Amino acid sequence: MQIPVLNLPRPVPPERERQPQDSIPQTRPEREHMKLTARAYVEAYRPVPPLSFEELRKHSDALIALHKYGPKYRDLPADFIFCRHTLEHIAKPLEFLRNIRAAIGDRTDVVVAFEVPDQLRVLRECAFWDMYYEHCSYFVPESLASVFERAGFEVLAQYKEFDDQYLVIDVKPGTPKPTAKPWAFEGEIALFRKRCGAYLDEWRGRLAKWKSDRKKIAIWGSGSKAVGFLTTLKIGDTQVPLVVDINPNKHNTYLPGTAQKIVAPQTLMDYRPDVVVVMNPIYVNEISADLAKLGLSPEVVALTGIH
């Protein structure tokens, strides 16, 4: 007689509930109210990032005094700290990270994650549109690990996200023990300088050909990539008059430097472009579908760099 095998479900781990903290508003309406007052403060006083810890403390004290929240809300111990696309804008990244490490204090269970552009990809693909003056620093895996280790963190993991465009690093407080190897960057930069000039000429030729063929061109995406792309190639609004963006807050504004008007996708129904240049290839399928819904079938060209 064969005894049937009984497969039991895997045990579900018990949920971990954090004990209430006096420094956190206990009800959702209270938390929403504090969030809204903080947002109103930012809109009224317009603090310009990046801010030092001293400046942040000054603003938080002003907000607390303005709404009479009380000093218990002045500091909030965090279990997880996540920062996206800020470190490359900080003039002194090591000092910034050491301030974060000091704010964490003696706790060693706090996980910190940062995301930055992958500069090695930018160099190897000659992605000139991803290089602009607002970036004070550029990071590759070795330099990113090094600055965190020097700041007193232990690296847990490094990986890439967003179609390998961005570097993410996970760290926790630890004894400084730099292990990252120096990056031999001279060869990569020399190759970038050699190849990028030819790649710029390739794009100039492509745009000139579209112009001579009397093709109407539109850019999709009004972020920093579009600004870097158009200003580097010196493409004004007479050659490319429109830049499309789905963000309604950008509509009827203009790109800096080259003055293209930013419009909603529906504007293309009247403009009827022959070519749409997509600033980030990860959105090509989505944008192609949106164009089809508008009854348009232009040539869709993604800004992909050299591969």
C-alpha atoms as a PDB file:
ATOM      1  CA  MET A   1       0.000   0.000   0.000  1.00  0.00           C
ATOM      2  CA  GLN A   2       1.410   3.334  -1.040  1.00  0.00           C
ATOM      3  CA  ILE A   3       1.059   6.043   1.526  1.00  0.00           C
ATOM      4  CA  PRO A   4       0.027   9.329  -0.115  1.00  0.00           C
ATOM      5  CA  VAL A   5       2.383  12.241   0.255  1.00  0.00           C
ATOM      6  CA  LEU A   6       0.819  15.204   1.942  1.00  0.00           C
ATOM      7  CA  ASN A   7       2.254  18.551   0.843  1.00  0.00           C
ATOM      8  CA  LEU A   8       1.804  21.104   3.562  1.00  0.00           C
ATOM      9  CA  PRO A   9       1.901  24.810   2.702  1.00  0.00           C
ATOM     10  CA  ARG A  10       4.965  26.717   3.750  1.00  0.00           C
ATOM     11  CA  PRO A  11       4.533  28.436   7.093  1.00  0.00           C
ATOM     12  CA  VAL A  12       3.710  32.104   6.797  1.00  0.00           C
ATOM     13  CA  PRO A  13       6.147  34.192   8.816  1.00  0.00           C
ATOM     14  CA  PRO A  14       4.427  36.322  11.431  1.00  0.00           C
ATOM     15  CA  GLU A  15       4.041  39.962  10.542  1.00  0.00           C
ATOM     16  CA  ARG A  16       6.416  42.287  12.277  1.00  0.00           C
ATOM     17  CA  GLU A  17       4.663  45.301  13.643  1.00  0.00           C
ATOM     18  CA  ARG A  18       6.576  48.339  14.655  1.00  0.00           C
ATOM     19  CA  GLN A  19       5.751  49.648  18.097  1.00  0.00           C
ATOM     20  CA  PRO A  20       4.146  53.097  18.077  1.00  0.00           C
ATOM     21  CA  GLN A  21       6.664  55.891  18.315  1.00  0.00           C
ATOM     22  CA  ASP A  22       5.844  59.116  20.060  1.00  0.00           C
ATOM     23  CA  SER A  23       7.699  61.090  17.368  1.00  0.00           C
ATOM     24  CA  ILE A  24       5.295  59.884  14.628  1.00  0.00           C
ATOM     25  CA  PRO A  25       1.672  61.102  14.396  1.00  0.00           C
ATOM     26  CA  GLN A  26      -0.452  58.103  15.361  1.00  0.00           C
ATOM     27  CA  THR A  27      -3.416  58.510  13.011  1.00  0.00           C
ATOM     28  CA  ARG A  28      -3.529  58.731   9.227  1.00  0.00           C
ATOM     29  CA  PRO A  29      -5.361  62.108   9.217  1.00  0.00           C
ATOM     30  CA  GLU A  30      -2.645  63.538  11.470  1.00  0.00           C
ATOM     31  CA  ARG A  31       0.098  62.243   9.182  1.00  0.00           C
ATOM     32  CA  GLU A  32      -1.681  63.572   6.076  1.00  0.00           C
ATOM     33  CA  HIS A  33      -2.107  66.975   7.731  1.00  0.00           C
ATOM     34  CA  MET A  34       1.600  67.155   8.567  1.00  0.00           C
ATOM     35  CA  LYS A  35       2.507  66.176   4.998  1.00  0.00           C
ATOM     36  CA  LEU A  36       0.248  68.865   3.559  1.00  0.00           C
ATOM     37  CA  THR A  37       1.625  71.549   5.861  1.00  0.00           C
ATOM     38  CA  ALA A  38       5.185  70.578   4.912  1.00  0.00           C
ATOM     39  CA  ARG A  39       4.256  70.788   1.214  1.00  0.00           C
ATOM     40  CA  ALA A  40       2.680  74.218   1.738  1.00  0.00           C
ATOM     41  CA  TYR A  41       5.814  75.394   3.562  1.00  0.00           C
ATOM     42  CA  VAL A  42       8.025  74.318   0.639  1.00  0.00           C
ATOM     43  CA  GLU A  43       5.759  76.089  -1.861  1.00  0.00           C
ATOM     44  CA  ALA A  44       5.774  79.268   0.230  1.00  0.00           C
ATOM     45  CA  TYR A  45       9.483  79.479   1.094  1.00  0.00           C
ATOM     46  CA  ARG A  46      10.976  77.700  -1.928  1.00  0.00           C
ATOM     47  CA  PRO A  47      14.115  76.153  -0.363  1.00  0.00           C
ATOM     48  CA  VAL A  48      16.497  75.232  -3.164  1.00  0.00           C
ATOM     49  CA  PRO A  49      18.184  71.804  -2.887  1.00  0.00           C
ATOM     50  CA  PRO A  50      20.692  70.509  -2.170  1.00  0.00           C
ATOM     51  CA  LEU A  51      20.549  71.784   1.393  1.00  0.00           C
ATOM     52  CA  SER A  52      23.043  71.193   4.172  1.00  0.00           C
ATOM     53  CA  PHE A  53      21.902  69.459   7.339  1.00  0.00           C
ATOM     54  CA  GLU A  54      22.085  72.814   9.102  1.00  0.00           C
ATOM     55  CA  GLU A  55      19.750  74.373   6.531  1.00  0.00           C
ATOM     56  CA  LEU A  56      17.360  71.431   6.737  1.00  0.00           C
ATOM     57  CA  ARG A  57      17.328  71.750  10.530  1.00  0.00           C
ATOM     58  CA  LYS A  58      16.559  75.465  10.228  1.00  0.00           C
ATOM     59  CA  HIS A  59      13.589  74.796   7.930  1.00  0.00           C
ATOM     60  CA  SER A  60      12.252  71.931  10.062  1.00  0.00           C
ATOM     61  CA  ASP A  61      12.436  74.099  13.189  1.00  0.00           C
ATOM     62  CA  ALA A  62      10.588  76.877  11.356  1.00  0.00           C
ATOM     63  CA  LEU A  63       7.867  74.458  10.207  1.00  0.00           C
ATOM     64  CA  ILE A  64       7.444  73.011  13.702  1.00  0.00           C
ATOM     65  CA  ALA A  65       7.233  76.479  15.267  1.00  0.00           C
ATOM     66  CA  LEU A  66       4.825  77.737  12.598  1.00  0.00           C
ATOM     67  CA  HIS A  67       2.316  74.944  13.204  1.00  0.00           C
ATOM     68  CA  LYS A  68       3.082  74.388  16.914  1.00  0.00           C
ATOM     69  CA  TYR A  69       3.806  70.681  16.427  1.00  0.00           C
ATOM     70  CA  GLY A  70       6.123  70.461  19.411  1.00  0.00           C
ATOM     71  CA  PRO A  71       9.778  69.401  19.643  1.00  0.00           C
ATOM     72  CA  LYS A  72       9.055  65.654  19.687  1.00  0.00           C
ATOM     73  CA  TYR A  73       8.598  65.697  15.892  1.00  0.00           C
ATOM     74  CA  ARG A  74      11.981  67.315  15.317  1.00  0.00           C
ATOM     75  CA  ASP A  75      13.881  64.052  14.817  1.00  0.00           C
ATOM     76  CA  LEU A  76      12.676  60.779  13.324  1.00  0.00           C
ATOM     77  CA  PRO A  77      14.852  57.634  13.451  1.00  0.00           C
ATOM     78  CA  ALA A  78      14.566  55.900  10.083  1.00  0.00           C
ATOM     79  CA  ASP A  79      14.759  52.185   9.332  1.00  0.00           C
ATOM     80  CA  PHE A  80      15.411  52.712   5.621  1.00  0.00           C
ATOM     81  CA  ILE A  81      16.903  55.683   3.784  1.00  0.00           C
ATOM     82  CA  PHE A  82      16.501  55.899   0.010  1.00  0.00           C
ATOM     83  CA  CYS A  83      17.906  58.644  -2.187  1.00  0.00           C
ATOM     84  CA  ARG A  84      17.448  58.806  -5.979  1.00  0.00           C
ATOM     85  CA  HIS A  85      19.443  60.976  -8.359  1.00  0.00           C
ATOM     86  CA  THR A  86      20.671  63.466  -5.790  1.00  0.00           C
ATOM     87  CA  LEU A  87      24.208  62.402  -4.946  1.00  0.00           C
ATOM     88  CA  GLU A  88      25.507  63.392  -8.391  1.00  0.00           C
ATOM     89  CA  HIS A  89      24.243  66.944  -7.731  1.00  0.00           C
ATOM     90  CA  ILE A  90      26.083  67.289  -4.399  1.00  0.00           C
ATOM     91  CA  ALA A  91      29.318  69.291  -4.599  1.00  0.00           C
ATOM     92  CA  LYS A  92      30.889  67.414  -1.672  1.00  0.00           C
ATOM     93  CA  PRO A  93      29.448  63.872  -1.733  1.00  0.00           C
ATOM     94  CA  LEU A  94      31.764  62.444   0.922  1.00  0.00           C
ATOM     95  CA  GLU A  95      30.829  65.169   3.404  1.00  0.00           C
ATOM     96  CA  PHE A  96      27.143  64.634   2.569  1.00  0.00           C
ATOM     97  CA  LEU A  97      27.359  60.877   3.192  1.00  0.00           C
ATOM     98  CA  ARG A  98      29.297  61.370   6.426  1.00  0.00           C
ATOM     99  CA  ASN A  99      26.495  63.629   7.637  1.00  0.00           C
ATOM    100  CA  ILE A 100      23.984  60.863   6.906  1.00  0.00           C
ATOM    101  CA  ARG A 101      26.176  58.349   8.715  1.00  0.00           C
ATOM    102  CA  ALA A 102      26.417  60.666  11.732  1.00  0.00           C
ATOM    103  CA  ALA A 103      22.642  61.175  11.759  1.00  0.00           C
ATOM    104  CA  ILE A 104      22.079  57.393  11.905  1.00  0.00           C
ATOM    105  CA  GLY A 105      24.186  57.188  15.048  1.00  0.00           C
ATOM    106  CA  ASP A 106      24.898  53.844  16.724  1.00  0.00           C
ATOM    107  CA  ARG A 107      22.198  51.866  14.896  1.00  0.00           C
ATOM    108  CA  THR A 108      23.685  49.236  12.590  1.00  0.00           C
ATOM    109  CA  ASP A 109      20.424  47.824  11.228  1.00  0.00           C
ATOM    110  CA  VAL A 110      19.545  50.847   9.063  1.00  0.00           C
ATOM    111  CA  VAL A 111      19.703  50.098   5.338  1.00  0.00           C
ATOM    112  CA  VAL A 112      20.656  52.956   3.015  1.00  0.00           C
ATOM    113  CA  ALA A 113      20.110  52.801  -0.745  1.00  0.00           C
ATOM    114  CA  PHE A 114      21.231  55.346  -3.344  1.00  0.00           C
ATOM    115  CA  GLU A 115      20.573  55.457  -7.083  1.00  0.00           C
ATOM    116  CA  VAL A 116      22.733  57.435  -9.528  1.00  0.00           C
ATOM    117  CA  PRO A 117      23.355  57.436 -13.286  1.00  0.00           C
ATOM    118  CA  ASP A 118      25.850  54.820 -14.465  1.00  0.00           C
ATOM    119  CA  GLN A 119      28.653  56.924 -15.898  1.00  0.00           C
ATOM    120  CA  LEU A 120      30.415  53.923 -17.415  1.00  0.00           C
ATOM    121  CA  ARG A 121      27.364  53.379 -19.627  1.00  0.00           C
ATOM    122  CA  VAL A 122      27.393  57.072 -20.580  1.00  0.00           C
ATOM    123  CA  LEU A 123      31.044  56.889 -21.641  1.00  0.00           C
ATOM    124  CA  ARG A 124      30.789  53.608 -23.524  1.00  0.00           C
ATOM    125  CA  GLU A 125      27.587  54.558 -25.357  1.00  0.00           C
ATOM    126  CA  CYS A 126      28.697  58.174 -25.976  1.00  0.00           C
ATOM    127  CA  ALA A 127      25.438  59.284 -24.370  1.00  0.00           C
ATOM    128  CA  PHE A 128      26.387  62.961 -24.519  1.00  0.00           C
ATOM    129  CA  TRP A 129      22.816  63.978 -23.587  1.00  0.00           C
ATOM    130  CA  ASP A 130      23.390  62.543 -20.105  1.00  0.00           C
ATOM    131  CA  MET A 131      26.282  64.911 -19.317  1.00  0.00           C
ATOM    132  CA  TYR A 132      25.478  68.403 -18.070  1.00  0.00           C
ATOM    133  CA  TYR A 133      26.780  70.978 -15.660  1.00  0.00           C
ATOM    134  CA  GLU A 134      24.260  70.270 -12.884  1.00  0.00           C
ATOM    135  CA  HIS A 135      26.109  67.010 -12.213  1.00  0.00           C
ATOM    136  CA  CYS A 136      28.943  67.766  -9.810  1.00  0.00           C
ATOM    137  CA  SER A 137      30.087  64.136  -9.727  1.00  0.00           C
ATOM    138  CA  TYR A 138      29.895  61.073 -11.937  1.00  0.00           C
ATOM    139  CA  PHE A 139      30.024  57.541 -10.542  1.00  0.00           C
ATOM    140  CA  VAL A 140      31.009  54.085 -11.718  1.00  0.00           C
ATOM    141  CA  PRO A 141      30.645  51.012  -9.448  1.00  0.00           C
ATOM    142  CA  GLU A 142      34.156  51.363  -8.033  1.00  0.00           C
ATOM    143  CA  SER A 143      33.928  55.070  -7.171  1.00  0.00           C
ATOM    144  CA  LEU A 144      30.399  54.712  -5.775  1.00  0.00           C
ATOM    145  CA  ALA A 145      31.483  51.919  -3.435  1.00  0.00           C
ATOM    146  CA  SER A 146      34.605  53.837  -2.451  1.00  0.00           C
ATOM    147  CA  VAL A 147      32.824  57.027  -1.358  1.00  0.00           C
ATOM    148  CA  PHE A 148      30.336  55.061   0.784  1.00  0.00           C
ATOM    149  CA  GLU A 149      33.090  53.005   2.400  1.00  0.00           C
ATOM    150  CA  ARG A 150      35.071  56.140   3.177  1.00  0.00           C
ATOM    151  CA  ALA A 151      31.949  57.609   4.774  1.00  0.00           C
ATOM    152  CA  GLY A 152      31.650  54.686   7.201  1.00  0.00           C
ATOM    153  CA  PHE A 153      29.296  52.311   5.423  1.00  0.00           C
ATOM    154  CA  GLU A 154      29.558  48.629   4.532  1.00  0.00           C
ATOM    155  CA  VAL A 155      28.493  47.797   0.982  1.00  0.00           C
ATOM    156  CA  LEU A 156      25.802  45.107   0.863  1.00  0.00           C
ATOM    157  CA  ALA A 157      25.093  45.035  -2.873  1.00  0.00           C
ATOM    158  CA  GLN A 158      25.443  46.939  -6.122  1.00  0.00           C
ATOM    159  CA  TYR A 159      23.240  46.418  -9.168  1.00  0.00           C
ATOM    160  CA  LYS A 160      21.744  48.206 -12.165  1.00  0.00           C
ATOM    161  CA  GLU A 161      18.157  49.261 -12.792  1.00  0.00           C
ATOM    162  CA  PHE A 162      16.018  50.959 -15.450  1.00  0.00           C
ATOM    163  CA  ASP A 163      17.379  49.055 -18.425  1.00  0.00           C
ATOM    164  CA  ASP A 164      20.909  49.229 -16.928  1.00  0.00           C
ATOM    165  CA  GLN A 165      20.929  53.038 -17.044  1.00  0.00           C
ATOM    166  CA  TYR A 166      21.231  53.560 -13.278  1.00  0.00           C
ATOM    167  CA  LEU A 167      23.484  52.243 -10.530  1.00  0.00           C
ATOM    168  CA  VAL A 168      21.984  51.293  -7.169  1.00  0.00           C
ATOM    169  CA  ILE A 169      24.023  50.667  -4.054  1.00  0.00           C
ATOM    170  CA  ASP A 170      22.724  49.146  -0.800  1.00  0.00           C
ATOM    171  CA  VAL A 171      24.790  49.828   2.326  1.00  0.00           C
ATOM    172  CA  LYS A 172      24.536  49.768   6.097  1.00  0.00           C
ATOM    173  CA  PRO A 173      26.589  51.418   8.856  1.00  0.00           C
ATOM    174  CA  GLY A 174      29.844  49.600   9.402  1.00  0.00           C
ATOM    175  CA  THR A 175      33.476  50.001  10.292  1.00  0.00           C
ATOM    176  CA  PRO A 176      35.269  51.896   7.527  1.00  0.00           C
ATOM    177  CA  LYS A 177      37.252  49.322   5.569  1.00  0.00           C
ATOM    178  CA  PRO A 178      37.697  50.484   1.983  1.00  0.00           C
ATOM    179  CA  THR A 179      37.772  47.507  -0.373  1.00  0.00           C
ATOM    180  CA  ALA A 180      36.827  49.121  -3.692  1.00  0.00           C
ATOM    181  CA  LYS A 181      39.600  48.971  -6.273  1.00  0.00           C
ATOM    182  CA  PRO A 182      40.665  52.134  -8.102  1.00  0.00           C
ATOM    183  CA  TRP A 183      39.051  52.565 -11.496  1.00  0.00           C
ATOM    184  CA  ALA A 184      41.425  52.980 -14.446  1.00  0.00           C
ATOM    185  CA  PHE A 185      39.337  55.644 -16.171  1.00  0.00           C
ATOM    186  CA  GLU A 186      41.852  57.192 -18.556  1.00  0.00           C
ATOM    187  CA  GLY A 187      41.270  54.643 -21.311  1.00  0.00           C
ATOM    188  CA  GLU A 188      37.472  54.943 -21.123  1.00  0.00           C
ATOM    189  CA  ILE A 189      37.597  58.737 -21.300  1.00  0.00           C
ATOM    190  CA  ALA A 190      40.055  58.710 -24.203  1.00  0.00           C
ATOM    191  CA  LEU A 191      37.792  56.324 -26.118  1.00  0.00           C
ATOM    192  CA  PHE A 192      34.776  58.532 -25.371  1.00  0.00           C
ATOM    193  CA  ARG A 193      36.550  61.597 -26.752  1.00  0.00           C
ATOM    194  CA  LYS A 194      37.550  59.704 -29.871  1.00  0.00           C
ATOM    195  CA  ARG A 195      34.127  58.227 -30.633  1.00  0.00           C
ATOM    196  CA  CYS A 196      31.824  60.988 -29.437  1.00  0.00           C
ATOM    197  CA  GLY A 197      32.834  63.489 -32.105  1.00  0.00           C
ATOM    198  CA  ALA A 198      31.889  61.032 -34.840  1.00  0.00           C
ATOM    199  CA  TYR A 199      28.629  60.223 -33.076  1.00  0.00           C
ATOM    200  CA  LEU A 200      27.713  63.916 -32.867  1.00  0.00           C
ATOM    201  CA  ASP A 201      28.392  64.242 -36.588  1.00  0.00           C
ATOM    202  CA  GLU A 202      26.172  61.218 -37.216  1.00  0.00           C
ATOM    203  CA  TRP A 203      23.261  62.887 -35.421  1.00  0.00           C
ATOM    204  CA  ARG A 204      23.862  66.205 -37.178  1.00  0.00           C
ATOM    205  CA  GLY A 205      23.778  64.399 -40.513  1.00  0.00           C
ATOM    206  CA  ARG A 206      20.593  62.548 -39.615  1.00  0.00           C
ATOM    207  CA  LEU A 207      18.821  65.744 -38.589  1.00  0.00           C
ATOM    208  CA  ALA A 208      20.062  67.578 -41.688  1.00  0.00           C
ATOM    209  CA  LYS A 209      18.770  64.768 -43.919  1.00  0.00           C
ATOM    210  CA  TRP A 210      15.326  64.911 -42.308  1.00  0.00           C
ATOM    211  CA  LYS A 211      15.316  68.676 -42.821  1.00  0.00           C
ATOM    212  CA  SER A 212      16.330  68.420 -46.501  1.00  0.00           C
ATOM    213  CA  ASP A 213      13.594  65.819 -47.008  1.00  0.00           C
ATOM    214  CA  ARG A 214      11.127  68.305 -45.454  1.00  0.00           C
ATOM    215  CA  LYS A 215      10.240  65.891 -42.702  1.00  0.00           C
ATOM    216  CA  LYS A 216       8.576  67.279 -39.589  1.00  0.00           C
ATOM    217  CA  ILE A 217      10.360  66.274 -36.389  1.00  0.00           C
ATOM    218  CA  ALA A 218       9.139  66.093 -32.802  1.00  0.00           C
ATOM    219  CA  ILE A 219      10.944  65.181 -29.593  1.00  0.00           C
ATOM    220  CA  TRP A 220       9.166  63.041 -26.986  1.00  0.00           C
ATOM    221  CA  GLY A 221      10.363  63.731 -23.444  1.00  0.00           C
ATOM    222  CA  SER A 222      11.172  67.192 -22.069  1.00  0.00           C
ATOM    223  CA  GLY A 223      13.581  66.245 -19.298  1.00  0.00           C
ATOM    224  CA  SER A 224      17.309  66.706 -18.997  1.00  0.00           C
ATOM    225  CA  LYS A 225      18.055  64.296 -21.851  1.00  0.00           C
ATOM    226  CA  ALA A 226      16.155  66.515 -24.291  1.00  0.00           C
ATOM    227  CA  VAL A 227      17.926  69.635 -23.035  1.00  0.00           C
ATOM    228  CA  GLY A 228      21.337  67.959 -23.292  1.00  0.00           C
ATOM    229  CA  PHE A 229      20.588  66.531 -26.730  1.00  0.00           C
ATOM    230  CA  LEU A 230      19.268  69.729 -28.313  1.00  0.00           C
ATOM    231  CA  THR A 231      21.714  72.179 -26.749  1.00  0.00           C
ATOM    232  CA  THR A 232      24.743  70.060 -27.623  1.00  0.00           C
ATOM    233  CA  LEU A 233      23.630  69.776 -31.238  1.00  0.00           C
ATOM    234  CA  LYS A 234      22.419  73.417 -31.257  1.00  0.00           C
ATOM    235  CA  ILE A 235      18.995  72.464 -32.621  1.00  0.00           C
ATOM    236  CA  GLY A 236      16.599  75.382 -32.276  1.00  0.00           C
ATOM    237  CA  ASP A 237      12.833  75.627 -32.465  1.00  0.00           C
ATOM    238  CA  THR A 238      12.820  76.343 -36.212  1.00  0.00           C
ATOM    239  CA  GLN A 239      14.166  72.864 -36.984  1.00  0.00           C
ATOM    240  CA  VAL A 240      12.400  70.996 -34.169  1.00  0.00           C
ATOM    241  CA  PRO A 241       9.478  73.154 -32.994  1.00  0.00           C
ATOM    242  CA  LEU A 242       7.764  70.807 -30.531  1.00  0.00           C
ATOM    243  CA  VAL A 243       8.680  68.663 -27.568  1.00  0.00           C
ATOM    244  CA  VAL A 244       6.006  66.307 -26.271  1.00  0.00           C
ATOM    245  CA  ASP A 245       5.518  65.407 -22.625  1.00  0.00           C
ATOM    246  CA  ILE A 246       2.673  63.672 -20.800  1.00  0.00           C
ATOM    247  CA  ASN A 247       3.200  65.825 -17.682  1.00  0.00           C
ATOM    248  CA  PRO A 248       0.477  68.514 -17.775  1.00  0.00           C
ATOM    249  CA  ASN A 249       2.524  70.774 -15.491  1.00  0.00           C
ATOM    250  CA  LYS A 250       5.039  71.228 -18.322  1.00  0.00           C
ATOM    251  CA  HIS A 251       2.565  72.030 -21.083  1.00  0.00           C
ATOM    252  CA  ASN A 252       2.894  75.481 -22.692  1.00  0.00           C
ATOM    253  CA  THR A 253       6.323  76.014 -21.169  1.00  0.00           C
ATOM    254  CA  TYR A 254       9.612  76.024 -23.091  1.00  0.00           C
ATOM    255  CA  LEU A 255      12.911  74.164 -23.032  1.00  0.00           C
ATOM    256  CA  PRO A 256      15.848  76.242 -21.771  1.00  0.00           C
ATOM    257  CA  GLY A 257      18.402  77.285 -24.357  1.00  0.00           C
ATOM    258  CA  THR A 258      16.687  76.042 -27.497  1.00  0.00           C
ATOM    259  CA  ALA A 259      13.146  77.353 -26.839  1.00  0.00           C
ATOM    260  CA  GLN A 260      11.050  74.409 -28.070  1.00  0.00           C
ATOM    261  CA  LYS A 261       7.475  74.573 -26.804  1.00  0.00           C
ATOM    262  CA  ILE A 262       6.415  71.655 -24.598  1.00  0.00           C
ATOM    263  CA  VAL A 263       3.018  70.296 -25.586  1.00  0.00           C
ATOM    264  CA  ALA A 264       0.597  67.477 -24.824  1.00  0.00           C
ATOM    265  CA  PRO A 265       0.640  64.357 -27.024  1.00  0.00           C
ATOM    266  CA  GLN A 266      -2.710  65.359 -28.558  1.00  0.00           C
ATOM    267  CA  THR A 267      -1.006  68.356 -30.206  1.00  0.00           C
ATOM    268  CA  LEU A 268       0.679  65.932 -32.595  1.00  0.00           C
ATOM    269  CA  MET A 269      -2.684  65.225 -34.210  1.00  0.00           C
ATOM    270  CA  ASP A 270      -2.498  68.680 -35.812  1.00  0.00           C
ATOM    271  CA  TYR A 271       1.294  68.770 -36.280  1.00  0.00           C
ATOM    272  CA  ARG A 272       1.441  65.215 -37.739  1.00  0.00           C
ATOM    273  CA  PRO A 273       5.186  64.536 -37.396  1.00  0.00           C
ATOM    274  CA  ASP A 274       7.108  62.341 -39.810  1.00  0.00           C
ATOM    275  CA  VAL A 275       9.727  61.490 -37.184  1.00  0.00           C
ATOM    276  CA  VAL A 276       9.466  61.259 -33.386  1.00  0.00           C
ATOM    277  CA  VAL A 277      12.756  61.061 -31.489  1.00  0.00           C
ATOM    278  CA  VAL A 278      12.240  59.339 -28.134  1.00  0.00           C
ATOM    279  CA  MET A 279      14.623  60.569 -25.466  1.00  0.00           C
ATOM    280  CA  ASN A 280      14.640  57.334 -23.451  1.00  0.00           C
ATOM    281  CA  PRO A 281      14.491  53.982 -25.290  1.00  0.00           C
ATOM    282  CA  ILE A 282      12.791  52.280 -22.357  1.00  0.00           C
ATOM    283  CA  TYR A 283       9.566  54.080 -23.326  1.00  0.00           C
ATOM    284  CA  VAL A 284       9.577  53.292 -27.060  1.00  0.00           C
ATOM    285  CA  ASN A 285       6.821  50.671 -26.930  1.00  0.00           C
ATOM    286  CA  GLU A 286       4.628  52.814 -24.703  1.00  0.00           C
ATOM    287  CA  ILE A 287       5.076  55.900 -26.896  1.00  0.00           C
ATOM    288  CA  SER A 288       4.511  53.939 -30.104  1.00  0.00           C
ATOM    289  CA  ALA A 289       1.221  52.689 -28.646  1.00  0.00           C
ATOM    290  CA  ASP A 290       0.218  56.240 -27.680  1.00  0.00           C
ATOM    291  CA  LEU A 291       0.975  57.462 -31.214  1.00  0.00           C
ATOM    292  CA  ALA A 292      -1.129  54.671 -32.691  1.00  0.00           C
ATOM    293  CA  LYS A 293      -4.043  55.665 -30.445  1.00  0.00           C
ATOM    294  CA  LEU A 294      -3.765  59.174 -31.885  1.00  0.00           C
ATOM    295  CA  GLY A 295      -3.973  57.746 -35.405  1.00  0.00           C
ATOM    296  CA  LEU A 296      -0.328  58.570 -36.151  1.00  0.00           C
ATOM    297  CA  SER A 297       2.379  56.328 -37.606  1.00  0.00           C
ATOM    298  CA  PRO A 298       5.608  58.361 -37.752  1.00  0.00           C
ATOM    299  CA  GLU A 299       9.082  56.882 -37.769  1.00  0.00           C
ATOM    300  CA  VAL A 300      10.029  56.384 -34.120  1.00  0.00           C
ATOM    301  CA  VAL A 301      13.741  56.790 -33.399  1.00  0.00           C
ATOM    302  CA  ALA A 302      15.121  56.037 -29.948  1.00  0.00           C
ATOM    303  CA  LEU A 303      18.104  57.813 -28.442  1.00  0.00           C
ATOM    304  CA  THR A 304      20.134  54.695 -27.727  1.00  0.00           C
ATOM    305  CA  GLY A 305      23.791  55.624 -27.966  1.00  0.00           C
ATOM    306  CA  ILE A 306      26.549  53.503 -29.473  1.00  0.00           C
ATOM    307  CA  HIS A 307      26.375  49.758 -28.777  1.00  0.00           C
END
